[in-house]
Amino acid sequence: AKQAYKGRSTEFDGQFDIPTFEEVIRLAKEET
């Protein structure tokens, strides 16, 4: 992933994967 909005930090570009919907659901449960 990369930053999509111009003018915002690109420091973390190229570091994070593209998640599946199931992975987001799991994350929400873990954060809960």
PDB file of all heavy atoms in Angstrom:
ATOM      1  N   ALA A   1       0.832  -1.214   0.000  1.00  0.00           N
ATOM      2  CA  ALA A   1       0.000   0.000   0.000  1.00  0.00           C
ATOM      3  C   ALA A   1       0.862   1.258   0.000  1.00  0.00           C
ATOM      4  O   ALA A   1       2.009   1.252   0.463  1.00  0.00           O
ATOM      5  CB  ALA A   1      -0.907  -0.006   1.218  1.00  0.00           C
ATOM      6  N   LYS A   2       0.263   2.336  -0.523  1.00  0.00           N
ATOM      7  CA  LYS A   2       0.928   3.635  -0.466  1.00  0.00           C
ATOM      8  C   LYS A   2      -0.099   4.718  -0.160  1.00  0.00           C
ATOM      9  O   LYS A   2      -1.304   4.525  -0.323  1.00  0.00           O
ATOM     10  CB  LYS A   2       1.643   3.935  -1.786  1.00  0.00           C
ATOM     11  CG  LYS A   2       0.712   4.200  -2.966  1.00  0.00           C
ATOM     12  CD  LYS A   2       1.513   4.534  -4.231  1.00  0.00           C
ATOM     13  CE  LYS A   2       0.592   4.908  -5.401  1.00  0.00           C
ATOM     14  NZ  LYS A   2       1.359   5.216  -6.621  1.00  0.00           N
ATOM     15  N   GLN A   3       0.394   5.844   0.309  1.00  0.00           N
ATOM     16  CA  GLN A   3      -0.474   6.978   0.642  1.00  0.00           C
ATOM     17  C   GLN A   3      -1.148   7.486  -0.633  1.00  0.00           C
ATOM     18  O   GLN A   3      -0.494   7.724  -1.649  1.00  0.00           O
ATOM     19  CB  GLN A   3       0.347   8.098   1.287  1.00  0.00           C
ATOM     20  CG  GLN A   3      -0.427   9.373   1.592  1.00  0.00           C
ATOM     21  CD  GLN A   3      -1.600   9.164   2.539  1.00  0.00           C
ATOM     22  OE1 GLN A   3      -2.766   9.213   2.126  1.00  0.00           O
ATOM     23  NE2 GLN A   3      -1.301   8.913   3.804  1.00  0.00           N
ATOM     24  N   ALA A   4      -2.475   7.634  -0.572  1.00  0.00           N
ATOM     25  CA  ALA A   4      -3.237   8.018  -1.758  1.00  0.00           C
ATOM     26  C   ALA A   4      -3.536   9.511  -1.807  1.00  0.00           C
ATOM     27  O   ALA A   4      -3.877  10.028  -2.880  1.00  0.00           O
ATOM     28  CB  ALA A   4      -4.541   7.229  -1.811  1.00  0.00           C
ATOM     29  N   TYR A   5      -3.422  10.198  -0.679  1.00  0.00           N
ATOM     30  CA  TYR A   5      -3.872  11.585  -0.606  1.00  0.00           C
ATOM     31  C   TYR A   5      -2.663  12.514  -0.674  1.00  0.00           C
ATOM     32  O   TYR A   5      -1.756  12.454   0.155  1.00  0.00           O
ATOM     33  CB  TYR A   5      -4.651  11.819   0.686  1.00  0.00           C
ATOM     34  CG  TYR A   5      -5.637  12.961   0.624  1.00  0.00           C
ATOM     35  CD1 TYR A   5      -6.978  12.738   0.320  1.00  0.00           C
ATOM     36  CD2 TYR A   5      -5.234  14.272   0.863  1.00  0.00           C
ATOM     37  CE1 TYR A   5      -7.879  13.783   0.257  1.00  0.00           C
ATOM     38  CE2 TYR A   5      -6.132  15.325   0.808  1.00  0.00           C
ATOM     39  CZ  TYR A   5      -7.451  15.070   0.503  1.00  0.00           C
ATOM     40  OH  TYR A   5      -8.351  16.112   0.442  1.00  0.00           O
ATOM     41  N   LYS A   6      -2.641  13.378  -1.668  1.00  0.00           N
ATOM     42  CA  LYS A   6      -1.515  14.288  -1.858  1.00  0.00           C
ATOM     43  C   LYS A   6      -1.345  15.212  -0.651  1.00  0.00           C
ATOM     44  O   LYS A   6      -2.313  15.716  -0.094  1.00  0.00           O
ATOM     45  CB  LYS A   6      -1.718  15.123  -3.125  1.00  0.00           C
ATOM     46  CG  LYS A   6      -1.627  14.314  -4.410  1.00  0.00           C
ATOM     47  CD  LYS A   6      -1.792  15.206  -5.634  1.00  0.00           C
ATOM     48  CE  LYS A   6      -1.690  14.390  -6.919  1.00  0.00           C
ATOM     49  NZ  LYS A   6      -1.871  15.235  -8.128  1.00  0.00           N
ATOM     50  N   GLY A   7      -0.085  15.422  -0.263  1.00  0.00           N
ATOM     51  CA  GLY A   7       0.214  16.315   0.841  1.00  0.00           C
ATOM     52  C   GLY A   7       0.353  15.614   2.177  1.00  0.00           C
ATOM     53  O   GLY A   7       0.772  16.224   3.159  1.00  0.00           O
ATOM     54  N   ARG A   8       0.006  14.310   2.229  1.00  0.00           N
ATOM     55  CA  ARG A   8       0.144  13.558   3.466  1.00  0.00           C
ATOM     56  C   ARG A   8       1.429  12.722   3.432  1.00  0.00           C
ATOM     57  O   ARG A   8       1.992  12.464   2.376  1.00  0.00           O
ATOM     58  CB  ARG A   8      -1.079  12.670   3.689  1.00  0.00           C
ATOM     59  CG  ARG A   8      -2.346  13.465   3.902  1.00  0.00           C
ATOM     60  CD  ARG A   8      -3.560  12.563   4.096  1.00  0.00           C
ATOM     61  NE  ARG A   8      -4.780  13.345   4.245  1.00  0.00           N
ATOM     62  CZ  ARG A   8      -6.000  12.835   4.270  1.00  0.00           C
ATOM     63  NH1 ARG A   8      -6.161  11.524   4.164  1.00  0.00           N
ATOM     64  NH2 ARG A   8      -7.056  13.617   4.411  1.00  0.00           N
ATOM     65  N   SER A   9       1.844  12.283   4.593  1.00  0.00           N
ATOM     66  CA  SER A   9       3.115  11.587   4.733  1.00  0.00           C
ATOM     67  C   SER A   9       3.172  10.324   3.877  1.00  0.00           C
ATOM     68  O   SER A   9       2.235   9.522   3.854  1.00  0.00           O
ATOM     69  CB  SER A   9       3.350  11.213   6.198  1.00  0.00           C
ATOM     70  OG  SER A   9       4.498  10.390   6.328  1.00  0.00           O
ATOM     71  N   THR A  10       4.300  10.138   3.195  1.00  0.00           N
ATOM     72  CA  THR A  10       4.552   8.915   2.421  1.00  0.00           C
ATOM     73  C   THR A  10       5.578   8.031   3.127  1.00  0.00           C
ATOM     74  O   THR A  10       6.124   7.098   2.530  1.00  0.00           O
ATOM     75  CB  THR A  10       5.058   9.274   1.013  1.00  0.00           C
ATOM     76  OG1 THR A  10       6.254  10.069   1.125  1.00  0.00           O
ATOM     77  CG2 THR A  10       4.000  10.062   0.243  1.00  0.00           C
ATOM     78  N   GLU A  11       5.827   8.312   4.388  1.00  0.00           N
ATOM     79  CA  GLU A  11       6.844   7.600   5.160  1.00  0.00           C
ATOM     80  C   GLU A  11       6.633   6.090   5.184  1.00  0.00           C
ATOM     81  O   GLU A  11       7.595   5.310   5.212  1.00  0.00           O
ATOM     82  CB  GLU A  11       6.862   8.145   6.594  1.00  0.00           C
ATOM     83  CG  GLU A  11       7.820   7.437   7.529  1.00  0.00           C
ATOM     84  CD  GLU A  11       7.706   7.925   8.959  1.00  0.00           C
ATOM     85  OE1 GLU A  11       6.902   8.867   9.218  1.00  0.00           O
ATOM     86  OE2 GLU A  11       8.413   7.369   9.829  1.00  0.00           O
ATOM     87  N   PHE A  12       5.366   5.678   5.161  1.00  0.00           N
ATOM     88  CA  PHE A  12       5.059   4.254   5.309  1.00  0.00           C
ATOM     89  C   PHE A  12       4.712   3.562   3.990  1.00  0.00           C
ATOM     90  O   PHE A  12       4.263   2.419   3.990  1.00  0.00           O
ATOM     91  CB  PHE A  12       3.908   4.077   6.310  1.00  0.00           C
ATOM     92  CG  PHE A  12       4.232   4.608   7.683  1.00  0.00           C
ATOM     93  CD1 PHE A  12       3.814   5.888   8.065  1.00  0.00           C
ATOM     94  CD2 PHE A  12       4.966   3.854   8.575  1.00  0.00           C
ATOM     95  CE1 PHE A  12       4.122   6.385   9.312  1.00  0.00           C
ATOM     96  CE2 PHE A  12       5.277   4.343   9.837  1.00  0.00           C
ATOM     97  CZ  PHE A  12       4.857   5.613  10.208  1.00  0.00           C
ATOM     98  N   ASP A  13       4.936   4.250   2.891  1.00  0.00           N
ATOM     99  CA  ASP A  13       4.658   3.643   1.589  1.00  0.00           C
ATOM    100  C   ASP A  13       5.512   2.385   1.402  1.00  0.00           C
ATOM    101  O   ASP A  13       6.692   2.348   1.775  1.00  0.00           O
ATOM    102  CB  ASP A  13       4.962   4.628   0.459  1.00  0.00           C
ATOM    103  CG  ASP A  13       3.905   5.695   0.307  1.00  0.00           C
ATOM    104  OD1 ASP A  13       3.034   5.790   1.186  1.00  0.00           O
ATOM    105  OD2 ASP A  13       3.952   6.439  -0.690  1.00  0.00           O
ATOM    106  N   GLY A  14       4.894   1.354   0.826  1.00  0.00           N
ATOM    107  CA  GLY A  14       5.627   0.138   0.511  1.00  0.00           C
ATOM    108  C   GLY A  14       5.856  -0.801   1.673  1.00  0.00           C
ATOM    109  O   GLY A  14       6.569  -1.801   1.536  1.00  0.00           O
ATOM    110  N   GLN A  15       5.231  -0.520   2.832  1.00  0.00           N
ATOM    111  CA  GLN A  15       5.472  -1.347   4.017  1.00  0.00           C
ATOM    112  C   GLN A  15       4.333  -2.301   4.358  1.00  0.00           C
ATOM    113  O   GLN A  15       4.568  -3.331   4.990  1.00  0.00           O
ATOM    114  CB  GLN A  15       5.743  -0.451   5.234  1.00  0.00           C
ATOM    115  CG  GLN A  15       6.974   0.409   5.124  1.00  0.00           C
ATOM    116  CD  GLN A  15       7.264   1.178   6.406  1.00  0.00           C
ATOM    117  OE1 GLN A  15       6.915   0.738   7.504  1.00  0.00           O
ATOM    118  NE2 GLN A  15       7.901   2.339   6.268  1.00  0.00           N
ATOM    119  N   PHE A  16       3.095  -1.977   3.945  1.00  0.00           N
ATOM    120  CA  PHE A  16       1.939  -2.713   4.437  1.00  0.00           C
ATOM    121  C   PHE A  16       1.234  -3.486   3.323  1.00  0.00           C
ATOM    122  O   PHE A  16       1.133  -3.021   2.192  1.00  0.00           O
ATOM    123  CB  PHE A  16       0.940  -1.756   5.100  1.00  0.00           C
ATOM    124  CG  PHE A  16       1.534  -0.908   6.190  1.00  0.00           C
ATOM    125  CD1 PHE A  16       1.168   0.425   6.323  1.00  0.00           C
ATOM    126  CD2 PHE A  16       2.466  -1.430   7.070  1.00  0.00           C
ATOM    127  CE1 PHE A  16       1.698   1.211   7.325  1.00  0.00           C
ATOM    128  CE2 PHE A  16       3.010  -0.656   8.080  1.00  0.00           C
ATOM    129  CZ  PHE A  16       2.632   0.676   8.205  1.00  0.00           C
ATOM    130  N   ASP A  17       0.709  -4.664   3.686  1.00  0.00           N
ATOM    131  CA  ASP A  17       0.013  -5.524   2.734  1.00  0.00           C
ATOM    132  C   ASP A  17      -1.405  -5.036   2.454  1.00  0.00           C
ATOM    133  O   ASP A  17      -1.957  -4.205   3.179  1.00  0.00           O
ATOM    134  CB  ASP A  17      -0.076  -6.950   3.286  1.00  0.00           C
ATOM    135  CG  ASP A  17       1.279  -7.623   3.392  1.00  0.00           C
ATOM    136  OD1 ASP A  17       2.219  -7.168   2.719  1.00  0.00           O
ATOM    137  OD2 ASP A  17       1.394  -8.599   4.157  1.00  0.00           O
ATOM    138  N   ILE A  18      -2.007  -5.615   1.415  1.00  0.00           N
ATOM    139  CA  ILE A  18      -3.408  -5.371   1.082  1.00  0.00           C
ATOM    140  C   ILE A  18      -4.238  -6.440   1.799  1.00  0.00           C
ATOM    141  O   ILE A  18      -4.086  -7.637   1.521  1.00  0.00           O
ATOM    142  CB  ILE A  18      -3.650  -5.463  -0.436  1.00  0.00           C
ATOM    143  CG1 ILE A  18      -2.615  -4.639  -1.205  1.00  0.00           C
ATOM    144  CG2 ILE A  18      -5.086  -5.048  -0.766  1.00  0.00           C
ATOM    145  CD1 ILE A  18      -2.479  -3.207  -0.768  1.00  0.00           C
ATOM    146  N   PRO A  19      -5.124  -6.060   2.718  1.00  0.00           N
ATOM    147  CA  PRO A  19      -5.854  -7.073   3.500  1.00  0.00           C
ATOM    148  C   PRO A  19      -7.099  -7.589   2.790  1.00  0.00           C
ATOM    149  O   PRO A  19      -7.664  -6.931   1.915  1.00  0.00           O
ATOM    150  CB  PRO A  19      -6.231  -6.316   4.767  1.00  0.00           C
ATOM    151  CG  PRO A  19      -6.353  -4.889   4.340  1.00  0.00           C
ATOM    152  CD  PRO A  19      -5.354  -4.693   3.219  1.00  0.00           C
ATOM    153  N   THR A  20      -7.504  -8.776   3.209  1.00  0.00           N
ATOM    154  CA  THR A  20      -8.805  -9.306   2.817  1.00  0.00           C
ATOM    155  C   THR A  20      -9.852  -8.820   3.803  1.00  0.00           C
ATOM    156  O   THR A  20      -9.530  -8.341   4.902  1.00  0.00           O
ATOM    157  CB  THR A  20      -8.808 -10.842   2.822  1.00  0.00           C
ATOM    158  OG1 THR A  20      -8.603 -11.302   4.169  1.00  0.00           O
ATOM    159  CG2 THR A  20      -7.723 -11.393   1.909  1.00  0.00           C
ATOM    160  N   PHE A  21     -11.129  -8.958   3.426  1.00  0.00           N
ATOM    161  CA  PHE A  21     -12.209  -8.578   4.329  1.00  0.00           C
ATOM    162  C   PHE A  21     -12.158  -9.415   5.604  1.00  0.00           C
ATOM    163  O   PHE A  21     -12.363  -8.900   6.703  1.00  0.00           O
ATOM    164  CB  PHE A  21     -13.542  -8.756   3.621  1.00  0.00           C
ATOM    165  CG  PHE A  21     -14.744  -8.316   4.423  1.00  0.00           C
ATOM    166  CD1 PHE A  21     -14.704  -7.183   5.220  1.00  0.00           C
ATOM    167  CD2 PHE A  21     -15.932  -9.044   4.354  1.00  0.00           C
ATOM    168  CE1 PHE A  21     -15.822  -6.771   5.951  1.00  0.00           C
ATOM    169  CE2 PHE A  21     -17.046  -8.646   5.078  1.00  0.00           C
ATOM    170  CZ  PHE A  21     -16.990  -7.518   5.879  1.00  0.00           C
ATOM    171  N   GLU A  22     -11.881 -10.704   5.460  1.00  0.00           N
ATOM    172  CA  GLU A  22     -11.802 -11.582   6.628  1.00  0.00           C
ATOM    173  C   GLU A  22     -10.721 -11.118   7.604  1.00  0.00           C
ATOM    174  O   GLU A  22     -10.901 -11.175   8.830  1.00  0.00           O
ATOM    175  CB  GLU A  22     -11.536 -13.022   6.194  1.00  0.00           C
ATOM    176  CG  GLU A  22     -12.712 -13.697   5.521  1.00  0.00           C
ATOM    177  CD  GLU A  22     -12.844 -13.342   4.047  1.00  0.00           C
ATOM    178  OE1 GLU A  22     -12.015 -12.546   3.544  1.00  0.00           O
ATOM    179  OE2 GLU A  22     -13.777 -13.847   3.400  1.00  0.00           O
ATOM    180  N   GLU A  23      -9.606 -10.634   7.075  1.00  0.00           N
ATOM    181  CA  GLU A  23      -8.527 -10.147   7.948  1.00  0.00           C
ATOM    182  C   GLU A  23      -8.951  -8.898   8.705  1.00  0.00           C
ATOM    183  O   GLU A  23      -8.578  -8.710   9.872  1.00  0.00           O
ATOM    184  CB  GLU A  23      -7.280  -9.876   7.109  1.00  0.00           C
ATOM    185  CG  GLU A  23      -6.584 -11.138   6.620  1.00  0.00           C
ATOM    186  CD  GLU A  23      -5.455 -10.857   5.644  1.00  0.00           C
ATOM    187  OE1 GLU A  23      -5.551  -9.878   4.863  1.00  0.00           O
ATOM    188  OE2 GLU A  23      -4.482 -11.628   5.645  1.00  0.00           O
ATOM    189  N   VAL A  24      -9.734  -8.042   8.075  1.00  0.00           N
ATOM    190  CA  VAL A  24     -10.218  -6.839   8.754  1.00  0.00           C
ATOM    191  C   VAL A  24     -11.204  -7.213   9.865  1.00  0.00           C
ATOM    192  O   VAL A  24     -11.179  -6.638  10.956  1.00  0.00           O
ATOM    193  CB  VAL A  24     -10.862  -5.866   7.759  1.00  0.00           C
ATOM    194  CG1 VAL A  24     -11.484  -4.677   8.489  1.00  0.00           C
ATOM    195  CG2 VAL A  24      -9.835  -5.381   6.744  1.00  0.00           C
ATOM    196  N   ILE A  25     -12.069  -8.184   9.600  1.00  0.00           N
ATOM    197  CA  ILE A  25     -13.003  -8.646  10.629  1.00  0.00           C
ATOM    198  C   ILE A  25     -12.233  -9.185  11.834  1.00  0.00           C
ATOM    199  O   ILE A  25     -12.544  -8.860  12.987  1.00  0.00           O
ATOM    200  CB  ILE A  25     -13.942  -9.724  10.067  1.00  0.00           C
ATOM    201  CG1 ILE A  25     -14.889  -9.124   9.030  1.00  0.00           C
ATOM    202  CG2 ILE A  25     -14.743 -10.376  11.200  1.00  0.00           C
ATOM    203  CD1 ILE A  25     -15.758 -10.151   8.309  1.00  0.00           C
ATOM    204  N   ARG A  26     -11.198  -9.992  11.566  1.00  0.00           N
ATOM    205  CA  ARG A  26     -10.390 -10.535  12.660  1.00  0.00           C
ATOM    206  C   ARG A  26      -9.733  -9.425  13.458  1.00  0.00           C
ATOM    207  O   ARG A  26      -9.683  -9.464  14.692  1.00  0.00           O
ATOM    208  CB  ARG A  26      -9.313 -11.490  12.118  1.00  0.00           C
ATOM    209  CG  ARG A  26      -9.802 -12.896  11.867  1.00  0.00           C
ATOM    210  CD  ARG A  26      -8.643 -13.880  11.819  1.00  0.00           C
ATOM    211  NE  ARG A  26      -7.687 -13.565  10.766  1.00  0.00           N
ATOM    212  CZ  ARG A  26      -7.810 -13.986   9.512  1.00  0.00           C
ATOM    213  NH1 ARG A  26      -8.855 -14.720   9.158  1.00  0.00           N
ATOM    214  NH2 ARG A  26      -6.898 -13.683   8.624  1.00  0.00           N
ATOM    215  N   LEU A  27      -9.223  -8.429  12.756  1.00  0.00           N
ATOM    216  CA  LEU A  27      -8.580  -7.307  13.440  1.00  0.00           C
ATOM    217  C   LEU A  27      -9.568  -6.585  14.346  1.00  0.00           C
ATOM    218  O   LEU A  27      -9.242  -6.238  15.494  1.00  0.00           O
ATOM    219  CB  LEU A  27      -8.003  -6.331  12.416  1.00  0.00           C
ATOM    220  CG  LEU A  27      -7.422  -5.053  13.036  1.00  0.00           C
ATOM    221  CD1 LEU A  27      -6.037  -5.326  13.594  1.00  0.00           C
ATOM    222  CD2 LEU A  27      -7.387  -3.918  12.040  1.00  0.00           C
ATOM    223  N   ALA A  28     -10.781  -6.341  13.848  1.00  0.00           N
ATOM    224  CA  ALA A  28     -11.787  -5.642  14.654  1.00  0.00           C
ATOM    225  C   ALA A  28     -12.090  -6.422  15.926  1.00  0.00           C
ATOM    226  O   ALA A  28     -12.251  -5.845  17.009  1.00  0.00           O
ATOM    227  CB  ALA A  28     -13.058  -5.431  13.836  1.00  0.00           C
ATOM    228  N   LYS A  29     -12.165  -7.737  15.823  1.00  0.00           N
ATOM    229  CA  LYS A  29     -12.424  -8.565  16.999  1.00  0.00           C
ATOM    230  C   LYS A  29     -11.249  -8.513  17.976  1.00  0.00           C
ATOM    231  O   LYS A  29     -11.432  -8.412  19.195  1.00  0.00           O
ATOM    232  CB  LYS A  29     -12.706 -10.000  16.576  1.00  0.00           C
ATOM    233  CG  LYS A  29     -14.017 -10.179  15.834  1.00  0.00           C
ATOM    234  CD  LYS A  29     -14.281 -11.638  15.513  1.00  0.00           C
ATOM    235  CE  LYS A  29     -15.651 -11.815  14.877  1.00  0.00           C
ATOM    236  NZ  LYS A  29     -15.989 -13.222  14.630  1.00  0.00           N
ATOM    237  N   GLU A  30     -10.035  -8.576  17.428  1.00  0.00           N
ATOM    238  CA  GLU A  30      -8.849  -8.504  18.277  1.00  0.00           C
ATOM    239  C   GLU A  30      -8.765  -7.160  18.992  1.00  0.00           C
ATOM    240  O   GLU A  30      -8.445  -7.092  20.190  1.00  0.00           O
ATOM    241  CB  GLU A  30      -7.601  -8.732  17.425  1.00  0.00           C
ATOM    242  CG  GLU A  30      -7.453 -10.153  16.917  1.00  0.00           C
ATOM    243  CD  GLU A  30      -6.394 -10.284  15.832  1.00  0.00           C
ATOM    244  OE1 GLU A  30      -5.788  -9.252  15.467  1.00  0.00           O
ATOM    245  OE2 GLU A  30      -6.194 -11.412  15.334  1.00  0.00           O
ATOM    246  N   GLU A  31      -9.048  -6.077  18.270  1.00  0.00           N
ATOM    247  CA  GLU A  31      -9.000  -4.745  18.875  1.00  0.00           C
ATOM    248  C   GLU A  31     -10.106  -4.568  19.912  1.00  0.00           C
ATOM    249  O   GLU A  31      -9.928  -3.886  20.916  1.00  0.00           O
ATOM    250  CB  GLU A  31      -9.096  -3.667  17.790  1.00  0.00           C
ATOM    251  CG  GLU A  31      -7.868  -3.571  16.907  1.00  0.00           C
ATOM    252  CD  GLU A  31      -6.640  -3.075  17.649  1.00  0.00           C
ATOM    253  OE1 GLU A  31      -6.794  -2.261  18.595  1.00  0.00           O
ATOM    254  OE2 GLU A  31      -5.519  -3.499  17.300  1.00  0.00           O
ATOM    255  N   THR A  32     -11.253  -5.184  19.677  1.00  0.00           N
ATOM    256  CA  THR A  32     -12.343  -5.140  20.650  1.00  0.00           C
ATOM    257  C   THR A  32     -11.912  -5.766  21.964  1.00  0.00           C
ATOM    258  O   THR A  32     -12.125  -5.207  23.050  1.00  0.00           O
ATOM    259  CB  THR A  32     -13.585  -5.861  20.084  1.00  0.00           C
ATOM    260  OG1 THR A  32     -14.113  -5.093  19.003  1.00  0.00           O
ATOM    261  CG2 THR A  32     -14.660  -6.028  21.144  1.00  0.00           C
TER     262      THR A  32
END
